[in-house]
Amino acid sequence: GSVLLGVLRSELPRGRRGKVGSAFLISNLKRIKKRLDHA
């Protein structure tokens, strides 16, 4: 979960576009991490 979240974040565009893209996806990326976390 943690590795996947880090990889997805690193693939987002840099600069202003990356910030906007992160705003769209950050909550969903966290949900993916939780889905993969057996804890």
Full PDB file with SEQRES, HELIX, SHEET, SSBOND, CRYST1, ORIGX, SCALE, CONECT and MASTER records, all heavy atoms in Angstrom:
SEQRES   1 A   39  GLY SER VAL LEU LEU GLY VAL LEU ARG SER GLU LEU PRO          
SEQRES   2 A   39  ARG GLY ARG ARG GLY LYS VAL GLY SER ALA PHE LEU ILE          
SEQRES   3 A   39  SER ASN LEU LYS ARG ILE LYS LYS ARG LEU ASP HIS ALA          
HELIX    1 AA1 SER A    2  GLU A   11  1                                  10    
HELIX    2 AA2 GLY A   15  LEU A   36  1                                  22    
CRYST1    1.000    1.000    1.000  90.00  90.00  90.00 P 1           1          
ORIGX1      1.000000  0.000000  0.000000        0.00000                         
ORIGX2      0.000000  1.000000  0.000000        0.00000                         
ORIGX3      0.000000  0.000000  1.000000        0.00000                         
SCALE1      1.000000  0.000000  0.000000        0.00000                         
SCALE2      0.000000  1.000000  0.000000        0.00000                         
SCALE3      0.000000  0.000000  1.000000        0.00000                         
ATOM      1  N   GLY A   1       0.813  -1.213   0.000  1.00  0.00           N  
ATOM      2  CA  GLY A   1       0.000   0.000   0.000  1.00  0.00           C  
ATOM      3  C   GLY A   1       0.841   1.255   0.000  1.00  0.00           C  
ATOM      4  O   GLY A   1       0.617   2.172  -0.803  1.00  0.00           O  
ATOM      5  N   SER A   2       1.850   1.314   0.879  1.00  0.00           N  
ATOM      6  CA  SER A   2       2.704   2.499   0.972  1.00  0.00           C  
ATOM      7  C   SER A   2       3.540   2.679  -0.295  1.00  0.00           C  
ATOM      8  O   SER A   2       3.692   3.790  -0.802  1.00  0.00           O  
ATOM      9  CB  SER A   2       3.625   2.397   2.192  1.00  0.00           C  
ATOM     10  OG  SER A   2       2.875   2.348   3.386  1.00  0.00           O  
ATOM     11  N   VAL A   3       4.089   1.561  -0.814  1.00  0.00           N  
ATOM     12  CA  VAL A   3       4.904   1.643  -2.024  1.00  0.00           C  
ATOM     13  C   VAL A   3       4.060   2.107  -3.204  1.00  0.00           C  
ATOM     14  O   VAL A   3       4.467   2.973  -3.987  1.00  0.00           O  
ATOM     15  CB  VAL A   3       5.552   0.279  -2.330  1.00  0.00           C  
ATOM     16  CG1 VAL A   3       6.227   0.297  -3.703  1.00  0.00           C  
ATOM     17  CG2 VAL A   3       6.561  -0.085  -1.259  1.00  0.00           C  
ATOM     18  N   LEU A   4       2.874   1.541  -3.342  1.00  0.00           N  
ATOM     19  CA  LEU A   4       1.997   1.899  -4.449  1.00  0.00           C  
ATOM     20  C   LEU A   4       1.631   3.371  -4.398  1.00  0.00           C  
ATOM     21  O   LEU A   4       1.646   4.072  -5.415  1.00  0.00           O  
ATOM     22  CB  LEU A   4       0.740   1.034  -4.417  1.00  0.00           C  
ATOM     23  CG  LEU A   4      -0.308   1.301  -5.502  1.00  0.00           C  
ATOM     24  CD1 LEU A   4       0.303   1.115  -6.882  1.00  0.00           C  
ATOM     25  CD2 LEU A   4      -1.499   0.379  -5.314  1.00  0.00           C  
ATOM     26  N   LEU A   5       1.323   3.858  -3.203  1.00  0.00           N  
ATOM     27  CA  LEU A   5       0.960   5.266  -3.053  1.00  0.00           C  
ATOM     28  C   LEU A   5       2.134   6.155  -3.450  1.00  0.00           C  
ATOM     29  O   LEU A   5       1.959   7.171  -4.124  1.00  0.00           O  
ATOM     30  CB  LEU A   5       0.540   5.552  -1.610  1.00  0.00           C  
ATOM     31  CG  LEU A   5       0.041   6.973  -1.305  1.00  0.00           C  
ATOM     32  CD1 LEU A   5      -1.174   7.306  -2.164  1.00  0.00           C  
ATOM     33  CD2 LEU A   5      -0.309   7.114   0.170  1.00  0.00           C  
ATOM     34  N   GLY A   6       3.348   5.771  -3.042  1.00  0.00           N  
ATOM     35  CA  GLY A   6       4.520   6.554  -3.399  1.00  0.00           C  
ATOM     36  C   GLY A   6       4.776   6.568  -4.894  1.00  0.00           C  
ATOM     37  O   GLY A   6       5.127   7.605  -5.471  1.00  0.00           O  
ATOM     38  N   VAL A   7       4.599   5.403  -5.552  1.00  0.00           N  
ATOM     39  CA  VAL A   7       4.806   5.323  -7.001  1.00  0.00           C  
ATOM     40  C   VAL A   7       3.793   6.183  -7.735  1.00  0.00           C  
ATOM     41  O   VAL A   7       4.132   6.930  -8.670  1.00  0.00           O  
ATOM     42  CB  VAL A   7       4.704   3.857  -7.477  1.00  0.00           C  
ATOM     43  CG1 VAL A   7       4.696   3.792  -9.002  1.00  0.00           C  
ATOM     44  CG2 VAL A   7       5.868   3.050  -6.932  1.00  0.00           C  
ATOM     45  N   LEU A   8       2.540   6.120  -7.320  1.00  0.00           N  
ATOM     46  CA  LEU A   8       1.503   6.909  -7.975  1.00  0.00           C  
ATOM     47  C   LEU A   8       1.777   8.399  -7.820  1.00  0.00           C  
ATOM     48  O   LEU A   8       1.620   9.183  -8.759  1.00  0.00           O  
ATOM     49  CB  LEU A   8       0.136   6.554  -7.386  1.00  0.00           C  
ATOM     50  CG  LEU A   8      -0.392   5.160  -7.720  1.00  0.00           C  
ATOM     51  CD1 LEU A   8      -1.655   4.862  -6.930  1.00  0.00           C  
ATOM     52  CD2 LEU A   8      -0.670   5.020  -9.203  1.00  0.00           C  
ATOM     53  N   ARG A   9       2.193   8.799  -6.641  1.00  0.00           N  
ATOM     54  CA  ARG A   9       2.491  10.213  -6.416  1.00  0.00           C  
ATOM     55  C   ARG A   9       3.657  10.680  -7.286  1.00  0.00           C  
ATOM     56  O   ARG A   9       3.645  11.777  -7.825  1.00  0.00           O  
ATOM     57  CB  ARG A   9       2.816  10.444  -4.942  1.00  0.00           C  
ATOM     58  CG  ARG A   9       1.590  10.526  -4.052  1.00  0.00           C  
ATOM     59  CD  ARG A   9       1.991  10.620  -2.591  1.00  0.00           C  
ATOM     60  NE  ARG A   9       0.855  10.917  -1.727  1.00  0.00           N  
ATOM     61  CZ  ARG A   9       0.869  10.814  -0.411  1.00  0.00           C  
ATOM     62  NH1 ARG A   9       1.975  10.406   0.204  1.00  0.00           N  
ATOM     63  NH2 ARG A   9      -0.193  11.100   0.315  1.00  0.00           N  
ATOM     64  N   SER A  10       4.683   9.831  -7.405  1.00  0.00           N  
ATOM     65  CA  SER A  10       5.856  10.221  -8.189  1.00  0.00           C  
ATOM     66  C   SER A  10       5.538  10.349  -9.670  1.00  0.00           C  
ATOM     67  O   SER A  10       6.235  11.060 -10.398  1.00  0.00           O  
ATOM     68  CB  SER A  10       6.982   9.205  -7.989  1.00  0.00           C  
ATOM     69  OG  SER A  10       6.650   7.956  -8.580  1.00  0.00           O  
ATOM     70  N   GLU A  11       4.493   9.683 -10.136  1.00  0.00           N  
ATOM     71  CA  GLU A  11       4.125   9.728 -11.548  1.00  0.00           C  
ATOM     72  C   GLU A  11       3.252  10.923 -11.901  1.00  0.00           C  
ATOM     73  O   GLU A  11       3.021  11.189 -13.080  1.00  0.00           O  
ATOM     74  CB  GLU A  11       3.401   8.434 -11.941  1.00  0.00           C  
ATOM     75  CG  GLU A  11       4.303   7.224 -12.036  1.00  0.00           C  
ATOM     76  CD  GLU A  11       5.356   7.387 -13.106  1.00  0.00           C  
ATOM     77  OE1 GLU A  11       5.008   7.825 -14.220  1.00  0.00           O  
ATOM     78  OE2 GLU A  11       6.527   7.104 -12.821  1.00  0.00           O  
ATOM     79  N   LEU A  12       2.747  11.629 -10.909  1.00  0.00           N  
ATOM     80  CA  LEU A  12       1.945  12.811 -11.200  1.00  0.00           C  
ATOM     81  C   LEU A  12       2.828  13.903 -11.785  1.00  0.00           C  
ATOM     82  O   LEU A  12       3.998  14.031 -11.412  1.00  0.00           O  
ATOM     83  CB  LEU A  12       1.265  13.320  -9.928  1.00  0.00           C  
ATOM     84  CG  LEU A  12       0.150  12.442  -9.367  1.00  0.00           C  
ATOM     85  CD1 LEU A  12      -0.318  12.978  -8.026  1.00  0.00           C  
ATOM     86  CD2 LEU A  12      -1.012  12.365 -10.333  1.00  0.00           C  
ATOM     87  N   PRO A  13       2.306  14.703 -12.709  1.00  0.00           N  
ATOM     88  CA  PRO A  13       3.106  15.789 -13.293  1.00  0.00           C  
ATOM     89  C   PRO A  13       3.610  16.739 -12.219  1.00  0.00           C  
ATOM     90  O   PRO A  13       2.989  16.907 -11.170  1.00  0.00           O  
ATOM     91  CB  PRO A  13       2.105  16.485 -14.227  1.00  0.00           C  
ATOM     92  CG  PRO A  13       1.063  15.458 -14.506  1.00  0.00           C  
ATOM     93  CD  PRO A  13       0.962  14.634 -13.262  1.00  0.00           C  
ATOM     94  N   ARG A  14       4.755  17.362 -12.501  1.00  0.00           N  
ATOM     95  CA  ARG A  14       5.333  18.309 -11.563  1.00  0.00           C  
ATOM     96  C   ARG A  14       4.690  19.687 -11.712  1.00  0.00           C  
ATOM     97  O   ARG A  14       3.965  19.954 -12.650  1.00  0.00           O  
ATOM     98  CB  ARG A  14       6.846  18.423 -11.799  1.00  0.00           C  
ATOM     99  CG  ARG A  14       7.588  17.102 -11.732  1.00  0.00           C  
ATOM    100  CD  ARG A  14       7.557  16.517 -10.334  1.00  0.00           C  
ATOM    101  NE  ARG A  14       8.296  15.264 -10.255  1.00  0.00           N  
ATOM    102  CZ  ARG A  14       8.372  14.525  -9.161  1.00  0.00           C  
ATOM    103  NH1 ARG A  14       7.745  14.914  -8.066  1.00  0.00           N  
ATOM    104  NH2 ARG A  14       9.048  13.399  -9.158  1.00  0.00           N  
ATOM    105  N   GLY A  15       5.028  20.544 -10.758  1.00  0.00           N  
ATOM    106  CA  GLY A  15       4.589  21.935 -10.823  1.00  0.00           C  
ATOM    107  C   GLY A  15       3.113  22.116 -10.591  1.00  0.00           C  
ATOM    108  O   GLY A  15       2.460  21.357  -9.876  1.00  0.00           O  
ATOM    109  N   ARG A  16       2.563  23.156 -11.234  1.00  0.00           N  
ATOM    110  CA  ARG A  16       1.165  23.525 -11.011  1.00  0.00           C  
ATOM    111  C   ARG A  16       0.214  22.412 -11.428  1.00  0.00           C  
ATOM    112  O   ARG A  16      -0.768  22.124 -10.767  1.00  0.00           O  
ATOM    113  CB  ARG A  16       0.858  24.794 -11.800  1.00  0.00           C  
ATOM    114  CG  ARG A  16      -0.440  25.461 -11.418  1.00  0.00           C  
ATOM    115  CD  ARG A  16      -0.694  26.659 -12.294  1.00  0.00           C  
ATOM    116  NE  ARG A  16       0.513  27.484 -12.417  1.00  0.00           N  
ATOM    117  CZ  ARG A  16       0.682  28.403 -13.357  1.00  0.00           C  
ATOM    118  NH1 ARG A  16      -0.254  28.597 -14.266  1.00  0.00           N  
ATOM    119  NH2 ARG A  16       1.796  29.108 -13.405  1.00  0.00           N  
ATOM    120  N   ARG A  17       0.533  21.770 -12.552  1.00  0.00           N  
ATOM    121  CA  ARG A  17      -0.343  20.694 -13.022  1.00  0.00           C  
ATOM    122  C   ARG A  17      -0.369  19.535 -12.043  1.00  0.00           C  
ATOM    123  O   ARG A  17      -1.392  18.908 -11.820  1.00  0.00           O  
ATOM    124  CB  ARG A  17       0.121  20.194 -14.387  1.00  0.00           C  
ATOM    125  CG  ARG A  17      -0.058  21.200 -15.503  1.00  0.00           C  
ATOM    126  CD  ARG A  17       0.096  20.564 -16.848  1.00  0.00           C  
ATOM    127  NE  ARG A  17       1.394  19.905 -16.994  1.00  0.00           N  
ATOM    128  CZ  ARG A  17       1.705  19.098 -17.997  1.00  0.00           C  
ATOM    129  NH1 ARG A  17       0.802  18.817 -18.916  1.00  0.00           N  
ATOM    130  NH2 ARG A  17       2.899  18.542 -18.064  1.00  0.00           N  
ATOM    131  N   GLY A  18       0.797  19.229 -11.462  1.00  0.00           N  
ATOM    132  CA  GLY A  18       0.852  18.140 -10.500  1.00  0.00           C  
ATOM    133  C   GLY A  18       0.027  18.420  -9.263  1.00  0.00           C  
ATOM    134  O   GLY A  18      -0.623  17.536  -8.715  1.00  0.00           O  
ATOM    135  N   LYS A  19       0.039  19.656  -8.809  1.00  0.00           N  
ATOM    136  CA  LYS A  19      -0.733  20.014  -7.617  1.00  0.00           C  
ATOM    137  C   LYS A  19      -2.222  19.853  -7.865  1.00  0.00           C  
ATOM    138  O   LYS A  19      -2.960  19.362  -7.020  1.00  0.00           O  
ATOM    139  CB  LYS A  19      -0.413  21.452  -7.198  1.00  0.00           C  
ATOM    140  CG  LYS A  19       0.999  21.637  -6.659  1.00  0.00           C  
ATOM    141  CD  LYS A  19       1.241  23.078  -6.242  1.00  0.00           C  
ATOM    142  CE  LYS A  19       2.669  23.244  -5.693  1.00  0.00           C  
ATOM    143  NZ  LYS A  19       2.926  24.634  -5.289  1.00  0.00           N  
ATOM    144  N   VAL A  20      -2.660  20.290  -9.056  1.00  0.00           N  
ATOM    145  CA  VAL A  20      -4.082  20.148  -9.377  1.00  0.00           C  
ATOM    146  C   VAL A  20      -4.447  18.677  -9.514  1.00  0.00           C  
ATOM    147  O   VAL A  20      -5.479  18.215  -9.025  1.00  0.00           O  
ATOM    148  CB  VAL A  20      -4.423  20.914 -10.668  1.00  0.00           C  
ATOM    149  CG1 VAL A  20      -5.895  20.702 -11.037  1.00  0.00           C  
ATOM    150  CG2 VAL A  20      -4.134  22.400 -10.490  1.00  0.00           C  
ATOM    151  N   GLY A  21      -3.566  17.893 -10.178  1.00  0.00           N  
ATOM    152  CA  GLY A  21      -3.837  16.462 -10.321  1.00  0.00           C  
ATOM    153  C   GLY A  21      -3.887  15.764  -8.986  1.00  0.00           C  
ATOM    154  O   GLY A  21      -4.740  14.897  -8.752  1.00  0.00           O  
ATOM    155  N   SER A  22      -2.980  16.136  -8.088  1.00  0.00           N  
ATOM    156  CA  SER A  22      -2.978  15.536  -6.752  1.00  0.00           C  
ATOM    157  C   SER A  22      -4.260  15.855  -6.012  1.00  0.00           C  
ATOM    158  O   SER A  22      -4.792  15.022  -5.282  1.00  0.00           O  
ATOM    159  CB  SER A  22      -1.768  16.043  -5.960  1.00  0.00           C  
ATOM    160  OG  SER A  22      -0.566  15.637  -6.570  1.00  0.00           O  
ATOM    161  N   ALA A  23      -4.754  17.069  -6.189  1.00  0.00           N  
ATOM    162  CA  ALA A  23      -5.993  17.456  -5.515  1.00  0.00           C  
ATOM    163  C   ALA A  23      -7.154  16.578  -5.956  1.00  0.00           C  
ATOM    164  O   ALA A  23      -8.027  16.240  -5.161  1.00  0.00           O  
ATOM    165  CB  ALA A  23      -6.302  18.928  -5.803  1.00  0.00           C  
ATOM    166  N   PHE A  24      -7.135  16.185  -7.248  1.00  0.00           N  
ATOM    167  CA  PHE A  24      -8.197  15.316  -7.752  1.00  0.00           C  
ATOM    168  C   PHE A  24      -8.083  13.896  -7.182  1.00  0.00           C  
ATOM    169  O   PHE A  24      -9.089  13.240  -6.918  1.00  0.00           O  
ATOM    170  CB  PHE A  24      -8.138  15.223  -9.286  1.00  0.00           C  
ATOM    171  CG  PHE A  24      -8.829  16.346  -9.998  1.00  0.00           C  
ATOM    172  CD1 PHE A  24      -8.088  17.308 -10.656  1.00  0.00           C  
ATOM    173  CD2 PHE A  24     -10.208  16.437 -10.012  1.00  0.00           C  
ATOM    174  CE1 PHE A  24      -8.706  18.340 -11.319  1.00  0.00           C  
ATOM    175  CE2 PHE A  24     -10.842  17.467 -10.669  1.00  0.00           C  
ATOM    176  CZ  PHE A  24     -10.097  18.430 -11.331  1.00  0.00           C  
ATOM    177  N   LEU A  25      -6.849  13.426  -7.011  1.00  0.00           N  
ATOM    178  CA  LEU A  25      -6.640  12.006  -6.766  1.00  0.00           C  
ATOM    179  C   LEU A  25      -6.246  11.617  -5.345  1.00  0.00           C  
ATOM    180  O   LEU A  25      -6.300  10.448  -5.003  1.00  0.00           O  
ATOM    181  CB  LEU A  25      -5.542  11.488  -7.709  1.00  0.00           C  
ATOM    182  CG  LEU A  25      -5.856  11.519  -9.198  1.00  0.00           C  
ATOM    183  CD1 LEU A  25      -4.640  11.083  -9.987  1.00  0.00           C  
ATOM    184  CD2 LEU A  25      -7.032  10.634  -9.529  1.00  0.00           C  
ATOM    185  N   ILE A  26      -5.823  12.571  -4.515  1.00  0.00           N  
ATOM    186  CA  ILE A  26      -5.205  12.209  -3.248  1.00  0.00           C  
ATOM    187  C   ILE A  26      -6.101  11.350  -2.366  1.00  0.00           C  
ATOM    188  O   ILE A  26      -5.659  10.377  -1.762  1.00  0.00           O  
ATOM    189  CB  ILE A  26      -4.742  13.479  -2.480  1.00  0.00           C  
ATOM    190  CG1 ILE A  26      -3.872  13.081  -1.300  1.00  0.00           C  
ATOM    191  CG2 ILE A  26      -5.940  14.329  -2.066  1.00  0.00           C  
ATOM    192  CD1 ILE A  26      -2.596  12.410  -1.672  1.00  0.00           C  
ATOM    193  N   SER A  27      -7.393  11.688  -2.278  1.00  0.00           N  
ATOM    194  CA  SER A  27      -8.281  10.901  -1.415  1.00  0.00           C  
ATOM    195  C   SER A  27      -8.463   9.493  -1.956  1.00  0.00           C  
ATOM    196  O   SER A  27      -8.514   8.520  -1.198  1.00  0.00           O  
ATOM    197  CB  SER A  27      -9.647  11.593  -1.276  1.00  0.00           C  
ATOM    198  OG  SER A  27     -10.275  11.706  -2.539  1.00  0.00           O  
ATOM    199  N   ASN A  28      -8.523   9.372  -3.287  1.00  0.00           N  
ATOM    200  CA  ASN A  28      -8.688   8.052  -3.881  1.00  0.00           C  
ATOM    201  C   ASN A  28      -7.425   7.206  -3.739  1.00  0.00           C  
ATOM    202  O   ASN A  28      -7.492   5.994  -3.556  1.00  0.00           O  
ATOM    203  CB  ASN A  28      -9.047   8.185  -5.367  1.00  0.00           C  
ATOM    204  CG  ASN A  28     -10.462   8.693  -5.561  1.00  0.00           C  
ATOM    205  OD1 ASN A  28     -11.305   8.537  -4.692  1.00  0.00           O  
ATOM    206  ND2 ASN A  28     -10.717   9.321  -6.690  1.00  0.00           N  
ATOM    207  N   LEU A  29      -6.250   7.851  -3.820  1.00  0.00           N  
ATOM    208  CA  LEU A  29      -5.010   7.118  -3.641  1.00  0.00           C  
ATOM    209  C   LEU A  29      -4.918   6.562  -2.223  1.00  0.00           C  
ATOM    210  O   LEU A  29      -4.431   5.448  -2.006  1.00  0.00           O  
ATOM    211  CB  LEU A  29      -3.817   8.025  -3.918  1.00  0.00           C  
ATOM    212  CG  LEU A  29      -3.693   8.557  -5.353  1.00  0.00           C  
ATOM    213  CD1 LEU A  29      -2.435   9.403  -5.497  1.00  0.00           C  
ATOM    214  CD2 LEU A  29      -3.678   7.424  -6.358  1.00  0.00           C  
ATOM    215  N   LYS A  30      -5.371   7.331  -1.252  1.00  0.00           N  
ATOM    216  CA  LYS A  30      -5.358   6.862   0.130  1.00  0.00           C  
ATOM    217  C   LYS A  30      -6.301   5.675   0.302  1.00  0.00           C  
ATOM    218  O   LYS A  30      -6.034   4.758   1.074  1.00  0.00           O  
ATOM    219  CB  LYS A  30      -5.758   7.997   1.070  1.00  0.00           C  
ATOM    220  CG  LYS A  30      -4.693   9.075   1.204  1.00  0.00           C  
ATOM    221  CD  LYS A  30      -5.119  10.176   2.161  1.00  0.00           C  
ATOM    222  CE  LYS A  30      -4.023  11.222   2.321  1.00  0.00           C  
ATOM    223  NZ  LYS A  30      -4.437  12.319   3.226  1.00  0.00           N  
ATOM    224  N   ARG A  31      -7.406   5.683  -0.431  1.00  0.00           N  
ATOM    225  CA  ARG A  31      -8.335   4.557  -0.347  1.00  0.00           C  
ATOM    226  C   ARG A  31      -7.710   3.291  -0.918  1.00  0.00           C  
ATOM    227  O   ARG A  31      -7.901   2.200  -0.382  1.00  0.00           O  
ATOM    228  CB  ARG A  31      -9.629   4.885  -1.098  1.00  0.00           C  
ATOM    229  CG  ARG A  31     -10.489   5.916  -0.385  1.00  0.00           C  
ATOM    230  CD  ARG A  31     -11.735   6.231  -1.199  1.00  0.00           C  
ATOM    231  NE  ARG A  31     -12.536   7.242  -0.520  1.00  0.00           N  
ATOM    232  CZ  ARG A  31     -13.644   7.772  -1.015  1.00  0.00           C  
ATOM    233  NH1 ARG A  31     -14.080   7.373  -2.201  1.00  0.00           N  
ATOM    234  NH2 ARG A  31     -14.306   8.683  -0.345  1.00  0.00           N  
ATOM    235  N   ILE A  32      -6.944   3.439  -1.990  1.00  0.00           N  
ATOM    236  CA  ILE A  32      -6.254   2.281  -2.554  1.00  0.00           C  
ATOM    237  C   ILE A  32      -5.283   1.713  -1.533  1.00  0.00           C  
ATOM    238  O   ILE A  32      -5.196   0.499  -1.327  1.00  0.00           O  
ATOM    239  CB  ILE A  32      -5.504   2.673  -3.845  1.00  0.00           C  
ATOM    240  CG1 ILE A  32      -6.504   3.068  -4.936  1.00  0.00           C  
ATOM    241  CG2 ILE A  32      -4.636   1.513  -4.336  1.00  0.00           C  
ATOM    242  CD1 ILE A  32      -5.848   3.576  -6.201  1.00  0.00           C  
ATOM    243  N   LYS A  33      -4.548   2.595  -0.871  1.00  0.00           N  
ATOM    244  CA  LYS A  33      -3.595   2.158   0.137  1.00  0.00           C  
ATOM    245  C   LYS A  33      -4.307   1.387   1.244  1.00  0.00           C  
ATOM    246  O   LYS A  33      -3.842   0.347   1.702  1.00  0.00           O  
ATOM    247  CB  LYS A  33      -2.856   3.354   0.729  1.00  0.00           C  
ATOM    248  CG  LYS A  33      -1.852   2.997   1.831  1.00  0.00           C  
ATOM    249  CD  LYS A  33      -1.147   4.242   2.327  1.00  0.00           C  
ATOM    250  CE  LYS A  33      -0.143   3.893   3.427  1.00  0.00           C  
ATOM    251  NZ  LYS A  33      -0.803   3.390   4.648  1.00  0.00           N  
ATOM    252  N   LYS A  34      -5.448   1.896   1.692  1.00  0.00           N  
ATOM    253  CA  LYS A  34      -6.191   1.230   2.758  1.00  0.00           C  
ATOM    254  C   LYS A  34      -6.713  -0.125   2.294  1.00  0.00           C  
ATOM    255  O   LYS A  34      -6.728  -1.093   3.059  1.00  0.00           O  
ATOM    256  CB  LYS A  34      -7.352   2.119   3.232  1.00  0.00           C  
ATOM    257  CG  LYS A  34      -6.914   3.316   4.060  1.00  0.00           C  
ATOM    258  CD  LYS A  34      -8.126   4.152   4.455  1.00  0.00           C  
ATOM    259  CE  LYS A  34      -7.690   5.330   5.326  1.00  0.00           C  
ATOM    260  NZ  LYS A  34      -7.294   4.880   6.662  1.00  0.00           N  
ATOM    261  N   ARG A  35      -7.157  -0.207   1.032  1.00  0.00           N  
ATOM    262  CA  ARG A  35      -7.657  -1.481   0.516  1.00  0.00           C  
ATOM    263  C   ARG A  35      -6.582  -2.550   0.541  1.00  0.00           C  
ATOM    264  O   ARG A  35      -6.861  -3.743   0.689  1.00  0.00           O  
ATOM    265  CB  ARG A  35      -8.154  -1.295  -0.920  1.00  0.00           C  
ATOM    266  CG  ARG A  35      -9.506  -0.636  -1.066  1.00  0.00           C  
ATOM    267  CD  ARG A  35     -10.632  -1.627  -0.886  1.00  0.00           C  
ATOM    268  NE  ARG A  35     -10.505  -2.748  -1.786  1.00  0.00           N  
ATOM    269  CZ  ARG A  35     -10.927  -2.748  -3.042  1.00  0.00           C  
ATOM    270  NH1 ARG A  35     -11.476  -1.681  -3.556  1.00  0.00           N  
ATOM    271  NH2 ARG A  35     -10.783  -3.820  -3.789  1.00  0.00           N  
ATOM    272  N   LEU A  36      -5.310  -2.129   0.358  1.00  0.00           N  
ATOM    273  CA  LEU A  36      -4.218  -3.084   0.300  1.00  0.00           C  
ATOM    274  C   LEU A  36      -3.607  -3.365   1.659  1.00  0.00           C  
ATOM    275  O   LEU A  36      -2.733  -4.214   1.778  1.00  0.00           O  
ATOM    276  CB  LEU A  36      -3.117  -2.561  -0.637  1.00  0.00           C  
ATOM    277  CG  LEU A  36      -3.490  -2.494  -2.117  1.00  0.00           C  
ATOM    278  CD1 LEU A  36      -2.366  -1.839  -2.903  1.00  0.00           C  
ATOM    279  CD2 LEU A  36      -3.782  -3.879  -2.666  1.00  0.00           C  
ATOM    280  N   ASP A  37      -4.048  -2.646   2.670  1.00  0.00           N  
ATOM    281  CA  ASP A  37      -3.461  -2.787   4.002  1.00  0.00           C  
ATOM    282  C   ASP A  37      -4.262  -3.802   4.807  1.00  0.00           C  
ATOM    283  O   ASP A  37      -5.393  -3.538   5.196  1.00  0.00           O  
ATOM    284  CB  ASP A  37      -3.448  -1.431   4.699  1.00  0.00           C  
ATOM    285  CG  ASP A  37      -2.705  -1.463   6.029  1.00  0.00           C  
ATOM    286  OD1 ASP A  37      -2.232  -2.557   6.398  1.00  0.00           O  
ATOM    287  OD2 ASP A  37      -2.615  -0.421   6.679  1.00  0.00           O  
ATOM    288  N   HIS A  38      -3.668  -4.988   5.079  1.00  0.00           N  
ATOM    289  CA  HIS A  38      -4.413  -6.024   5.798  1.00  0.00           C  
ATOM    290  C   HIS A  38      -4.798  -5.568   7.201  1.00  0.00           C  
ATOM    291  O   HIS A  38      -5.759  -6.055   7.790  1.00  0.00           O  
ATOM    292  CB  HIS A  38      -3.574  -7.303   5.883  1.00  0.00           C  
ATOM    293  CG  HIS A  38      -2.770  -7.403   7.129  1.00  0.00           C  
ATOM    294  ND1 HIS A  38      -1.591  -6.719   7.304  1.00  0.00           N  
ATOM    295  CD2 HIS A  38      -2.997  -8.071   8.293  1.00  0.00           C  
ATOM    296  CE1 HIS A  38      -1.117  -6.974   8.506  1.00  0.00           C  
ATOM    297  NE2 HIS A  38      -1.942  -7.792   9.120  1.00  0.00           N  
ATOM    298  N   ALA A  39      -4.022  -4.604   7.753  1.00  0.00           N  
ATOM    299  CA  ALA A  39      -4.316  -4.142   9.109  1.00  0.00           C  
ATOM    300  C   ALA A  39      -5.659  -3.436   9.196  1.00  0.00           C  
ATOM    301  O   ALA A  39      -6.232  -3.301  10.268  1.00  0.00           O  
ATOM    302  CB  ALA A  39      -3.209  -3.201   9.594  1.00  0.00           C  
TER     303      ALA A  39                                                      
MASTER        0    0    0    2    0    0    0    6  302    1    0    3          
END                                                                             
